Amino acid sequence: MSEHANLLRRHRAVMPSWMALNYTDPIEIVGGKGARVTDAEGNGYLDFFTGILTNMLGYDVPEVRDAVERQLATGVVHTSTAYLLRGQVELAEKIARLSGIPDAKVFFANSGTEANETALLLAAYARRSDQVLAMRQSYHGRSFAAAGVTGNRAWRNLSFSPLDVHFLHGADRHLPQFAGMSDAEYIEACTADLRHVLATATGGDVAALIAEPVQGVGGFTMPPDGLFAAYKGVLDEYGILVVSDEVQTGWGRTGESFWGIGNHGVTPDMMTFAKGLGNGFAVGGVVARGDLMDGLPALGISTFGGNPISMAAANATLDYLLDHDLQANAARQGATLIGGLRGAAGRLPVVRDVRGKGLMFAVELADPRTGEPSPPLAAALMEAARVRGLLIGKGGLYGNVVRMAPPMTLTDAEAAEGLGILIASLEAVNEEAAS
């Protein structure tokens, strides 16, 4: 048995079966530089999924590595939030300023799941309510409350939740009742449904709406720009808070705005963040109105949240992103990639849709004979791209979407290379589906 096969055997013996691995023959990544990684067998890949949107700047970035090494050299890896943490304060100041939220304060945790749990706690306490609105097809984490506001059955283990959750339309224009609607008509229909939900399904005060501006696990589906502004107009009538889950859309990845919610012209009451901010180091958090953040009466702590190593990495990552205007790069490279994929889609019957913003884009696959969602075709596209040297991800409510989020440092040459591999892989899958 090869060492690779033995590692896979050991993984399956001690890791849970529900922790899925990509690819028929899973790979072990052992090296990385920029937008490229190398597996244990020496194969090189252009990485268009970056640890599920986490290695925002790519791999082995000198500025981030140096910042972490300087902190390690002090000998202080952890002290806890019971002490002043300079890096934590500095990062919080930057995020509060960038958030646009009045009198903002920041709490650091370790992941998007923890961040969303914190935001839900803040909202529930402030509004004295366990009622929450969320979006169909959404994903907010794997913990009890976060799974409760997840509108995708594939990611929910239980039918019950500590919250009373009601799910809204907004990213489901494929449904027959919305067929042929313009953006304005769809927004009007969704807003009318929101009013109906509030009038019929809720019992008094609702704590908050939590929503992803672009749904990550949902396959990069998104509402038309302006939907959340229309929703907020209704929610404000009731004092209902708005929480924007920016775990995947934050930091300029969509190219059009620094926060995903910015496309809707909305300043939320809270935003959650994680993933790309640490460029591979564990960091998450909430930025919220100061009165909401200060409102909890009980003591609170995050043992590892805001630790010196993660803060060193996150400060360096955010500084690099701003100094190099990576939001503009995301817009430019995204236009190349999304435009190229849309240009090819017309001759590829397996492609149902190409969508996205900036460096957050997806291809939806369907059976060319029936038009039905096809998870096997999505899996085949992943395999075809891997063989050609490109790593991509999968998602969607029906498991038929291939989604991509390259590092925001992607170059023109890398974008062209990745686009070429994607189109060649789609052509191969299309040809196989037609045979």
Protein backbone atom coordinates (compact mmCIF):
# COMPACT_ATOMS: atom_id res chain seq x y z
CA MET A 1 0.00 0.00 0.00
CA SER A 2 1.33 3.42 -0.96
CA GLU A 3 1.86 6.09 1.70
CA HIS A 4 -0.95 8.11 0.09
CA ALA A 5 -3.37 5.18 0.22
CA ASN A 6 -2.33 4.45 3.80
CA LEU A 7 -3.01 8.06 4.85
CA LEU A 8 -6.47 7.86 3.29
CA ARG A 9 -7.13 4.59 5.14
CA ARG A 10 -6.04 6.16 8.43
CA HIS A 11 -8.21 9.23 7.78
CA ARG A 12 -11.31 7.10 7.25
CA ALA A 13 -10.58 5.10 10.40
CA VAL A 14 -10.48 8.09 12.76
CA MET A 15 -12.33 10.98 11.07
CA PRO A 16 -16.16 11.25 10.82
CA SER A 17 -17.76 9.95 7.64
CA TRP A 18 -19.70 13.20 7.20
CA MET A 19 -16.43 15.17 6.82
CA ALA A 20 -16.23 14.70 3.08
CA LEU A 21 -13.07 14.80 0.98
CA ASN A 22 -12.89 16.28 -2.50
CA TYR A 23 -12.21 14.07 -5.52
CA THR A 24 -12.47 10.35 -6.15
CA ASP A 25 -8.80 10.10 -5.24
CA PRO A 26 -8.38 12.71 -2.46
CA ILE A 27 -5.17 14.74 -2.49
CA GLU A 28 -2.83 15.87 0.28
CA ILE A 29 -1.55 19.43 -0.25
CA VAL A 30 2.00 19.76 1.03
CA GLY A 31 3.26 23.02 -0.48
CA GLY A 32 2.04 26.35 -1.78
CA LYS A 33 3.23 29.63 -3.23
CA GLY A 34 1.03 32.43 -4.50
CA ALA A 35 -1.98 30.94 -6.26
CA ARG A 36 -0.40 27.50 -6.68
CA VAL A 37 -0.17 24.38 -4.53
CA THR A 38 1.61 21.04 -4.75
CA ASP A 39 0.30 17.68 -3.60
CA ALA A 40 2.22 14.85 -1.93
CA GLU A 41 2.76 13.14 -5.30
CA GLY A 42 4.43 16.24 -6.74
CA ASN A 43 1.50 17.38 -8.87
CA GLY A 44 1.05 21.14 -9.17
CA TYR A 45 -2.28 22.96 -9.28
CA LEU A 46 -3.63 26.45 -9.74
CA ASP A 47 -5.91 26.88 -6.73
CA PHE A 48 -9.26 28.51 -7.44
CA PHE A 49 -10.86 27.56 -4.12
CA THR A 50 -8.13 28.63 -1.65
CA GLY A 51 -9.09 26.58 1.37
CA ILE A 52 -12.79 27.46 0.92
CA LEU A 53 -12.13 31.20 0.40
CA THR A 54 -9.68 31.32 3.31
CA ASN A 55 -6.25 31.91 1.75
CA MET A 56 -7.37 35.29 0.48
CA LEU A 57 -3.88 36.44 -0.55
CA GLY A 58 -2.70 33.02 -1.66
CA TYR A 59 0.06 30.93 -0.10
CA ASP A 60 3.36 31.87 1.54
CA VAL A 61 2.85 35.63 1.45
CA PRO A 62 6.06 37.22 2.84
CA GLU A 63 4.28 40.10 4.61
CA VAL A 64 1.99 37.71 6.49
CA ARG A 65 4.72 35.18 7.22
CA ASP A 66 7.05 37.87 8.53
CA ALA A 67 4.37 39.34 10.81
CA VAL A 68 3.65 35.92 12.32
CA GLU A 69 7.36 35.15 12.75
CA ARG A 70 7.92 38.47 14.51
CA GLN A 71 5.18 37.64 16.97
CA LEU A 72 6.49 34.10 17.48
CA ALA A 73 9.93 35.54 18.21
CA THR A 74 8.52 37.38 21.23
CA GLY A 75 7.64 34.03 22.81
CA VAL A 76 4.05 35.21 23.36
CA VAL A 77 1.72 32.92 21.45
CA HIS A 78 -1.23 33.34 23.80
CA THR A 79 -2.24 35.36 26.85
CA SER A 80 -6.09 35.50 26.59
CA THR A 81 -8.39 38.48 26.50
CA ALA A 82 -7.87 39.01 30.23
CA TYR A 83 -4.86 41.10 29.16
CA LEU A 84 -4.44 44.00 26.77
CA LEU A 85 -3.66 42.75 23.27
CA ARG A 86 -2.18 45.44 21.06
CA GLY A 87 -2.75 43.57 17.80
CA GLN A 88 -6.37 42.94 18.72
CA VAL A 89 -7.02 46.61 19.43
CA GLU A 90 -5.29 47.69 16.22
CA LEU A 91 -7.27 45.25 14.08
CA ALA A 92 -10.56 46.17 15.78
CA GLU A 93 -9.90 49.85 15.06
CA LYS A 94 -9.39 49.10 11.36
CA ILE A 95 -12.49 46.92 11.07
CA ALA A 96 -14.69 49.36 12.98
CA ARG A 97 -13.59 52.15 10.66
CA LEU A 98 -14.10 50.08 7.51
CA SER A 99 -17.50 48.78 8.61
CA GLY A 100 -19.37 52.05 8.29
CA ILE A 101 -21.43 51.03 11.34
CA PRO A 102 -21.93 53.95 13.76
CA ASP A 103 -19.99 53.68 17.04
CA ALA A 104 -18.87 50.19 16.05
CA LYS A 105 -17.23 47.70 18.40
CA VAL A 106 -15.61 44.38 17.52
CA PHE A 107 -15.52 40.97 19.19
CA PHE A 108 -13.08 38.35 17.91
CA ALA A 109 -13.72 34.61 17.80
CA ASN A 110 -12.15 31.75 15.84
CA SER A 111 -14.53 31.02 12.95
CA GLY A 112 -17.58 32.12 11.04
CA THR A 113 -19.72 29.72 13.03
CA GLU A 114 -18.66 31.33 16.32
CA ALA A 115 -19.12 34.79 14.83
CA ASN A 116 -22.69 34.01 13.76
CA GLU A 117 -23.48 32.49 17.15
CA THR A 118 -22.31 35.72 18.78
CA ALA A 119 -24.37 37.91 16.47
CA LEU A 120 -27.48 35.82 17.10
CA LEU A 121 -26.93 36.08 20.85
CA LEU A 122 -26.54 39.87 20.64
CA ALA A 123 -29.70 40.20 18.57
CA ALA A 124 -31.78 37.84 20.70
CA TYR A 125 -30.81 39.64 23.89
CA ALA A 126 -31.29 43.13 22.48
CA ARG A 127 -34.75 42.30 21.16
CA ARG A 128 -35.72 39.88 23.96
CA SER A 129 -36.82 37.41 21.28
CA ASP A 130 -35.79 34.00 19.95
CA GLN A 131 -37.44 34.69 16.59
CA VAL A 132 -35.07 35.08 13.65
CA LEU A 133 -35.53 35.55 9.92
CA ALA A 134 -33.10 33.84 7.54
CA MET A 135 -32.87 33.11 3.84
CA ARG A 136 -33.75 29.94 1.99
CA GLN A 137 -30.66 28.11 0.66
CA SER A 138 -28.44 29.85 3.23
CA TYR A 139 -25.54 28.46 5.27
CA HIS A 140 -24.30 30.03 8.51
CA GLY A 141 -22.28 27.29 10.26
CA ARG A 142 -22.36 23.87 11.85
CA SER A 143 -23.24 24.68 15.49
CA PHE A 144 -26.72 24.36 16.97
CA ALA A 145 -28.02 27.91 16.46
CA ALA A 146 -26.02 28.53 13.27
CA ALA A 147 -27.41 25.35 11.74
CA GLY A 148 -30.86 26.46 12.86
CA VAL A 149 -30.67 29.53 10.61
CA THR A 150 -29.25 27.49 7.72
CA GLY A 151 -31.82 27.07 4.97
CA ASN A 152 -30.31 24.03 3.27
CA ARG A 153 -31.38 20.57 4.42
CA ALA A 154 -28.10 18.99 3.32
CA TRP A 155 -26.34 20.90 6.12
CA ARG A 156 -28.90 20.44 8.91
CA ASN A 157 -28.93 17.38 11.17
CA LEU A 158 -31.94 18.25 13.33
CA SER A 159 -35.41 19.58 12.71
CA PHE A 160 -35.33 21.69 15.87
CA SER A 161 -33.26 24.68 16.93
CA PRO A 162 -32.80 26.95 19.95
CA LEU A 163 -34.28 29.67 17.72
CA ASP A 164 -37.70 30.12 16.14
CA VAL A 165 -36.65 30.61 12.53
CA HIS A 166 -38.66 31.70 9.50
CA PHE A 167 -37.09 31.50 6.04
CA LEU A 168 -37.53 34.11 3.31
CA HIS A 169 -37.31 34.19 -0.46
CA GLY A 170 -34.56 36.19 -2.12
CA ALA A 171 -32.09 33.87 -3.84
CA ASP A 172 -34.50 31.37 -5.41
CA ARG A 173 -35.53 32.90 -8.72
CA HIS A 174 -35.41 29.46 -10.33
CA LEU A 175 -38.74 28.60 -8.69
CA PRO A 176 -41.76 28.57 -11.02
CA GLN A 177 -43.64 31.31 -9.18
CA PHE A 178 -40.87 33.78 -9.99
CA ALA A 179 -40.31 32.76 -13.62
CA GLY A 180 -39.97 35.69 -16.00
CA MET A 181 -39.96 38.37 -13.31
CA SER A 182 -37.75 41.41 -13.65
CA ASP A 183 -35.47 42.35 -10.75
CA ALA A 184 -37.95 44.97 -9.60
CA GLU A 185 -40.88 42.54 -9.78
CA TYR A 186 -38.98 39.86 -7.89
CA ILE A 187 -37.96 42.31 -5.15
CA GLU A 188 -41.58 43.44 -4.87
CA ALA A 189 -42.81 39.84 -4.59
CA CYS A 190 -40.20 38.93 -1.97
CA THR A 191 -40.96 42.05 0.06
CA ALA A 192 -44.67 41.28 0.00
CA ASP A 193 -43.85 37.78 1.22
CA LEU A 194 -41.74 39.23 4.06
CA ARG A 195 -44.70 41.30 5.20
CA HIS A 196 -46.90 38.21 5.03
CA VAL A 197 -44.42 36.16 7.09
CA LEU A 198 -44.31 38.87 9.75
CA ALA A 199 -48.09 39.03 9.83
CA THR A 200 -48.76 35.28 9.92
CA ALA A 201 -45.79 33.19 11.05
CA THR A 202 -44.26 35.28 13.80
CA GLY A 203 -45.56 35.93 17.28
CA GLY A 204 -44.61 39.47 18.15
CA ASP A 205 -41.12 40.94 18.18
CA VAL A 206 -38.54 39.40 15.84
CA ALA A 207 -34.88 39.69 16.78
CA ALA A 208 -33.11 39.92 13.44
CA LEU A 209 -32.69 38.97 9.83
CA ILE A 210 -29.40 37.16 9.17
CA ALA A 211 -28.38 36.89 5.52
CA GLU A 212 -25.42 36.28 3.23
CA PRO A 213 -25.23 38.91 0.47
CA VAL A 214 -23.96 36.08 -1.75
CA GLN A 215 -24.80 32.59 -0.55
CA GLY A 216 -21.61 30.56 -0.25
CA VAL A 217 -22.58 26.93 0.23
CA GLY A 218 -25.78 27.79 -1.63
CA GLY A 219 -23.72 27.92 -4.82
CA PHE A 220 -22.98 31.67 -4.99
CA THR A 221 -26.65 32.44 -5.54
CA MET A 222 -27.60 35.99 -4.71
CA PRO A 223 -30.58 38.33 -4.67
CA PRO A 224 -30.78 41.23 -7.10
CA ASP A 225 -29.09 44.36 -5.80
CA GLY A 226 -31.54 46.33 -3.72
CA LEU A 227 -33.47 43.43 -2.18
CA PHE A 228 -31.96 43.90 1.27
CA ALA A 229 -32.65 47.63 1.11
CA ALA A 230 -36.30 46.80 0.46
CA TYR A 231 -36.26 44.27 3.29
CA LYS A 232 -34.65 46.76 5.66
CA GLY A 233 -37.36 49.29 4.91
CA VAL A 234 -39.90 46.79 6.24
CA LEU A 235 -37.75 45.55 9.12
CA ASP A 236 -37.11 49.09 10.37
CA GLU A 237 -40.84 49.51 10.88
CA TYR A 238 -40.66 46.76 13.49
CA GLY A 239 -37.23 47.52 14.96
CA ILE A 240 -35.86 44.22 13.61
CA LEU A 241 -32.06 44.13 13.37
CA VAL A 242 -30.09 43.26 10.23
CA VAL A 243 -27.06 40.95 10.45
CA SER A 244 -24.95 40.60 7.29
CA ASP A 245 -22.96 37.36 7.18
CA GLU A 246 -19.78 38.54 5.42
CA VAL A 247 -17.75 35.41 6.14
CA GLN A 248 -17.32 34.80 2.41
CA THR A 249 -18.25 38.14 0.82
CA GLY A 250 -16.20 40.53 2.94
CA TRP A 251 -12.92 42.37 2.25
CA GLY A 252 -13.73 43.40 -1.32
CA ARG A 253 -13.97 39.91 -2.80
CA THR A 254 -17.05 40.77 -4.86
CA GLY A 255 -15.14 43.63 -6.46
CA GLU A 256 -18.09 46.00 -6.40
CA SER A 257 -18.09 46.87 -2.69
CA PHE A 258 -15.87 46.22 0.31
CA TRP A 259 -18.70 44.39 2.08
CA GLY A 260 -21.17 42.30 0.13
CA ILE A 261 -24.12 44.12 1.66
CA GLY A 262 -22.81 47.35 0.16
CA ASN A 263 -24.30 46.39 -3.20
CA HIS A 264 -27.71 46.85 -1.63
CA GLY A 265 -27.01 50.30 -0.20
CA VAL A 266 -27.52 49.00 3.33
CA THR A 267 -25.54 49.60 6.51
CA PRO A 268 -26.44 46.65 8.75
CA ASP A 269 -26.59 46.66 12.54
CA MET A 270 -23.98 43.89 12.65
CA MET A 271 -21.62 42.08 10.32
CA THR A 272 -19.90 38.76 10.88
CA PHE A 273 -16.55 37.91 9.32
CA ALA A 274 -13.94 35.14 9.23
CA LYS A 275 -12.15 33.05 6.56
CA GLY A 276 -9.99 35.31 4.38
CA LEU A 277 -9.07 37.85 7.05
CA GLY A 278 -6.42 35.57 8.57
CA ASN A 279 -5.15 34.23 5.22
CA GLY A 280 -5.18 30.74 6.66
CA PHE A 281 -4.93 31.56 10.36
CA ALA A 282 -8.07 31.03 12.42
CA VAL A 283 -9.93 34.27 13.01
CA GLY A 284 -13.57 35.30 13.04
CA GLY A 285 -15.61 38.02 14.63
CA VAL A 286 -18.52 40.41 14.80
CA VAL A 287 -18.55 44.15 14.22
CA ALA A 288 -21.71 45.75 15.58
CA ARG A 289 -23.24 48.93 16.89
CA GLY A 290 -21.68 49.71 20.22
CA ASP A 291 -24.97 49.64 22.10
CA LEU A 292 -25.66 46.12 20.84
CA MET A 293 -22.16 44.88 21.62
CA ASP A 294 -22.20 46.40 25.11
CA GLY A 295 -25.73 45.22 25.83
CA LEU A 296 -24.99 41.75 27.19
CA PRO A 297 -25.13 41.70 31.01
CA ALA A 298 -23.15 38.49 31.59
CA LEU A 299 -19.39 38.16 31.35
CA GLY A 300 -17.96 36.88 28.10
CA ILE A 301 -14.66 35.67 26.70
CA SER A 302 -13.20 33.90 23.70
CA THR A 303 -10.16 32.02 24.94
CA PHE A 304 -8.37 31.94 21.59
CA GLY A 305 -10.31 34.71 19.85
CA GLY A 306 -8.00 37.63 19.12
CA ASN A 307 -4.85 35.71 20.05
CA PRO A 308 -1.53 37.41 19.17
CA ILE A 309 -0.61 35.03 16.31
CA SER A 310 -3.96 35.31 14.50
CA MET A 311 -4.00 39.06 15.05
CA ALA A 312 -0.52 39.42 13.56
CA ALA A 313 -1.62 37.47 10.48
CA ALA A 314 -4.93 39.33 10.16
CA ASN A 315 -3.41 42.80 10.53
CA ALA A 316 -0.82 41.99 7.89
CA THR A 317 -3.46 40.49 5.58
CA LEU A 318 -5.80 43.46 5.84
CA ASP A 319 -2.97 45.96 5.39
CA TYR A 320 -1.75 44.10 2.30
CA LEU A 321 -5.25 43.95 0.82
CA LEU A 322 -5.78 47.69 1.28
CA ASP A 323 -2.29 48.74 0.22
CA HIS A 324 -2.56 46.76 -3.03
CA ASP A 325 -6.21 47.63 -3.76
CA LEU A 326 -7.16 44.00 -4.16
CA GLN A 327 -10.84 44.90 -4.40
CA ALA A 328 -10.09 46.52 -7.77
CA ASN A 329 -8.12 43.46 -8.82
CA ALA A 330 -11.04 41.22 -7.86
CA ALA A 331 -13.34 43.30 -10.04
CA ARG A 332 -10.95 43.20 -13.00
CA GLN A 333 -10.08 39.50 -12.86
CA GLY A 334 -13.66 38.55 -12.09
CA ALA A 335 -14.87 40.36 -15.20
CA THR A 336 -12.38 38.35 -17.28
CA LEU A 337 -13.33 35.00 -15.76
CA ILE A 338 -17.11 35.45 -15.55
CA GLY A 339 -17.23 37.06 -19.00
CA GLY A 340 -15.17 34.25 -20.51
CA LEU A 341 -17.32 31.54 -18.94
CA ARG A 342 -20.51 33.23 -20.09
CA GLY A 343 -19.10 33.53 -23.57
CA ALA A 344 -18.47 29.78 -23.69
CA ALA A 345 -21.71 28.74 -21.98
CA GLY A 346 -23.89 29.28 -25.05
CA ARG A 347 -22.31 26.32 -26.85
CA LEU A 348 -22.26 24.04 -23.81
CA PRO A 349 -25.72 22.55 -23.05
CA VAL A 350 -24.53 21.22 -19.68
CA VAL A 351 -24.20 24.78 -18.38
CA ARG A 352 -27.43 26.07 -16.88
CA ASP A 353 -26.01 29.30 -15.45
CA VAL A 354 -22.82 31.27 -14.89
CA ARG A 355 -23.06 33.77 -12.03
CA GLY A 356 -21.01 35.71 -9.54
CA LYS A 357 -19.39 38.97 -8.59
CA GLY A 358 -15.66 39.63 -8.69
CA LEU A 359 -13.60 36.66 -7.58
CA MET A 360 -16.64 34.77 -6.31
CA PHE A 361 -18.26 32.98 -9.23
CA ALA A 362 -19.93 29.71 -10.11
CA VAL A 363 -21.09 27.43 -12.91
CA GLU A 364 -24.36 25.55 -12.48
CA LEU A 365 -24.63 22.20 -14.26
CA ALA A 366 -27.78 20.53 -15.59
CA ASP A 367 -28.58 17.38 -17.54
CA PRO A 368 -28.72 18.58 -21.17
CA ARG A 369 -31.59 16.19 -21.95
CA THR A 370 -33.91 17.02 -19.06
CA GLY A 371 -32.66 20.36 -17.79
CA GLU A 372 -32.65 18.97 -14.26
CA PRO A 373 -29.85 19.78 -11.77
CA SER A 374 -27.00 17.29 -12.16
CA PRO A 375 -24.67 16.67 -9.21
CA PRO A 376 -22.77 14.00 -11.22
CA LEU A 377 -21.88 16.58 -13.87
CA ALA A 378 -20.60 18.96 -11.20
CA ALA A 379 -18.46 16.17 -9.75
CA ALA A 380 -17.21 15.33 -13.25
CA LEU A 381 -16.25 18.96 -13.84
CA MET A 382 -14.27 19.03 -10.60
CA GLU A 383 -12.39 15.90 -11.64
CA ALA A 384 -11.78 17.17 -15.18
CA ALA A 385 -10.37 20.44 -13.85
CA ARG A 386 -8.13 18.66 -11.33
CA VAL A 387 -6.66 16.45 -14.05
CA ARG A 388 -5.83 19.63 -15.99
CA GLY A 389 -4.23 21.27 -12.96
CA LEU A 390 -7.00 23.39 -11.41
CA LEU A 391 -8.64 23.02 -7.98
CA ILE A 392 -12.26 24.19 -7.63
CA GLY A 393 -15.13 23.66 -5.17
CA LYS A 394 -18.71 22.44 -5.20
CA GLY A 395 -21.99 23.57 -3.65
CA GLY A 396 -25.54 24.56 -4.43
CA LEU A 397 -28.86 23.49 -2.95
CA TYR A 398 -28.91 20.50 -5.29
CA GLY A 399 -25.15 19.83 -5.30
CA ASN A 400 -24.89 20.73 -8.99
CA VAL A 401 -22.83 23.92 -8.76
CA VAL A 402 -19.08 24.30 -9.14
CA ARG A 403 -17.93 27.42 -7.31
CA MET A 404 -14.66 29.29 -7.42
CA ALA A 405 -12.93 31.95 -5.33
CA PRO A 406 -9.30 32.40 -6.43
CA PRO A 407 -6.89 34.41 -4.29
CA MET A 408 -7.50 38.13 -4.63
CA THR A 409 -3.89 38.51 -5.76
CA LEU A 410 -4.67 36.57 -8.97
CA THR A 411 -2.68 37.85 -11.94
CA ASP A 412 -3.84 38.39 -15.52
CA ALA A 413 -1.86 35.35 -16.63
CA GLU A 414 -3.29 33.15 -13.89
CA ALA A 415 -6.83 34.27 -14.68
CA ALA A 416 -6.30 33.44 -18.36
CA GLU A 417 -4.79 30.06 -17.47
CA GLY A 418 -7.63 29.17 -15.11
CA LEU A 419 -10.26 30.26 -17.62
CA GLY A 420 -8.67 28.10 -20.29
CA ILE A 421 -8.68 25.05 -18.00
CA LEU A 422 -12.30 25.66 -16.98
CA ILE A 423 -13.52 25.95 -20.55
CA ALA A 424 -11.55 22.86 -21.65
CA SER A 425 -12.94 20.93 -18.68
CA LEU A 426 -16.49 22.05 -19.46
CA GLU A 427 -16.04 21.00 -23.07
CA ALA A 428 -14.89 17.55 -21.97
CA VAL A 429 -17.81 17.12 -19.57
CA ASN A 430 -20.26 18.39 -22.21
CA GLU A 431 -18.91 15.95 -24.78
CA GLU A 432 -19.18 13.06 -22.35
CA ALA A 433 -22.75 14.03 -21.39
CA ALA A 434 -23.75 14.11 -25.07
CA SER A 435 -22.35 10.66 -25.86
